Amino acid sequence: MKNKIFWPSNSSDWTEVGPEE
């Protein structure tokens, strides 16, 4: 499954990530 997580360090940028390793 892919989850969209928010990275404040990327200045309002969303990144799609897979399952936690």
PDB file of N, CA and C in Angstrom:
ATOM      1  N   MET A   1       0.836  -1.211   0.000  1.00  0.00           N
ATOM      2  CA  MET A   1       0.000   0.000   0.000  1.00  0.00           C
ATOM      3  C   MET A   1       0.871   1.261   0.000  1.00  0.00           C
ATOM      4  N   LYS A   2       0.402   2.286  -0.640  1.00  0.00           N
ATOM      5  CA  LYS A   2       1.162   3.547  -0.652  1.00  0.00           C
ATOM      6  C   LYS A   2       0.421   4.588   0.172  1.00  0.00           C
ATOM      7  N   ASN A   3       1.154   5.276   1.002  1.00  0.00           N
ATOM      8  CA  ASN A   3       0.528   6.319   1.836  1.00  0.00           C
ATOM      9  C   ASN A   3       1.135   7.670   1.504  1.00  0.00           C
ATOM     10  N   LYS A   4       0.300   8.701   1.543  1.00  0.00           N
ATOM     11  CA  LYS A   4       0.831  10.039   1.274  1.00  0.00           C
ATOM     12  C   LYS A   4       1.209  10.688   2.604  1.00  0.00           C
ATOM     13  N   ILE A   5       2.467  11.048   2.722  1.00  0.00           N
ATOM     14  CA  ILE A   5       2.921  11.665   3.976  1.00  0.00           C
ATOM     15  C   ILE A   5       3.388  13.087   3.702  1.00  0.00           C
ATOM     16  N   PHE A   6       3.247  13.931   4.705  1.00  0.00           N
ATOM     17  CA  PHE A   6       3.617  15.331   4.548  1.00  0.00           C
ATOM     18  C   PHE A   6       4.969  15.616   5.186  1.00  0.00           C
ATOM     19  N   TRP A   7       5.862  16.175   4.401  1.00  0.00           N
ATOM     20  CA  TRP A   7       7.190  16.535   4.925  1.00  0.00           C
ATOM     21  C   TRP A   7       7.286  18.049   5.039  1.00  0.00           C
ATOM     22  N   PRO A   8       7.173  18.589   6.254  1.00  0.00           N
ATOM     23  CA  PRO A   8       7.266  20.033   6.472  1.00  0.00           C
ATOM     24  C   PRO A   8       8.606  20.585   6.008  1.00  0.00           C
ATOM     25  N   SER A   9       9.626  19.744   6.006  1.00  0.00           N
ATOM     26  CA  SER A   9      10.957  20.206   5.619  1.00  0.00           C
ATOM     27  C   SER A   9      11.037  20.464   4.113  1.00  0.00           C
ATOM     28  N   ASN A  10      10.035  19.943   3.386  1.00  0.00           N
ATOM     29  CA  ASN A  10      10.049  20.131   1.935  1.00  0.00           C
ATOM     30  C   ASN A  10       9.140  21.287   1.511  1.00  0.00           C
ATOM     31  N   SER A  11       8.748  22.089   2.482  1.00  0.00           N
ATOM     32  CA  SER A  11       7.934  23.271   2.188  1.00  0.00           C
ATOM     33  C   SER A  11       6.634  22.928   1.470  1.00  0.00           C
ATOM     34  N   SER A  12       5.700  22.357   2.200  1.00  0.00           N
ATOM     35  CA  SER A  12       4.389  22.014   1.640  1.00  0.00           C
ATOM     36  C   SER A  12       4.497  21.078   0.445  1.00  0.00           C
ATOM     37  N   ASP A  13       5.192  19.971   0.610  1.00  0.00           N
ATOM     38  CA  ASP A  13       5.334  19.031  -0.495  1.00  0.00           C
ATOM     39  C   ASP A  13       4.899  17.652  -0.029  1.00  0.00           C
ATOM     40  N   TRP A  14       4.092  16.964  -0.831  1.00  0.00           N
ATOM     41  CA  TRP A  14       3.617  15.627  -0.458  1.00  0.00           C
ATOM     42  C   TRP A  14       4.425  14.562  -1.190  1.00  0.00           C
ATOM     43  N   THR A  15       4.687  13.470  -0.490  1.00  0.00           N
ATOM     44  CA  THR A  15       5.470  12.396  -1.100  1.00  0.00           C
ATOM     45  C   THR A  15       4.774  11.056  -0.908  1.00  0.00           C
ATOM     46  N   GLU A  16       4.752  10.239  -1.960  1.00  0.00           N
ATOM     47  CA  GLU A  16       4.120   8.918  -1.859  1.00  0.00           C
ATOM     48  C   GLU A  16       5.157   7.908  -1.393  1.00  0.00           C
ATOM     49  N   VAL A  17       4.825   7.207  -0.317  1.00  0.00           N
ATOM     50  CA  VAL A  17       5.765   6.216   0.205  1.00  0.00           C
ATOM     51  C   VAL A  17       5.083   4.877   0.367  1.00  0.00           C
ATOM     52  N   GLY A  18       5.879   3.822   0.319  1.00  0.00           N
ATOM     53  CA  GLY A  18       5.341   2.470   0.467  1.00  0.00           C
ATOM     54  C   GLY A  18       5.243   2.129   1.946  1.00  0.00           C
ATOM     55  N   PRO A  19       5.113   0.844   2.257  1.00  0.00           N
ATOM     56  CA  PRO A  19       4.997   0.383   3.644  1.00  0.00           C
ATOM     57  C   PRO A  19       6.256   0.689   4.446  1.00  0.00           C
ATOM     58  N   GLU A  20       6.095   0.815   5.743  1.00  0.00           N
ATOM     59  CA  GLU A  20       7.244   1.122   6.591  1.00  0.00           C
ATOM     60  C   GLU A  20       8.188  -0.063   6.650  1.00  0.00           C
ATOM     61  N   GLU A  21       9.488   0.207   6.570  1.00  0.00           N
ATOM     62  CA  GLU A  21      10.474  -0.869   6.597  1.00  0.00           C
ATOM     63  C   GLU A  21      10.900  -1.162   8.013  1.00  0.00           C
TER      64      GLU A  21
END
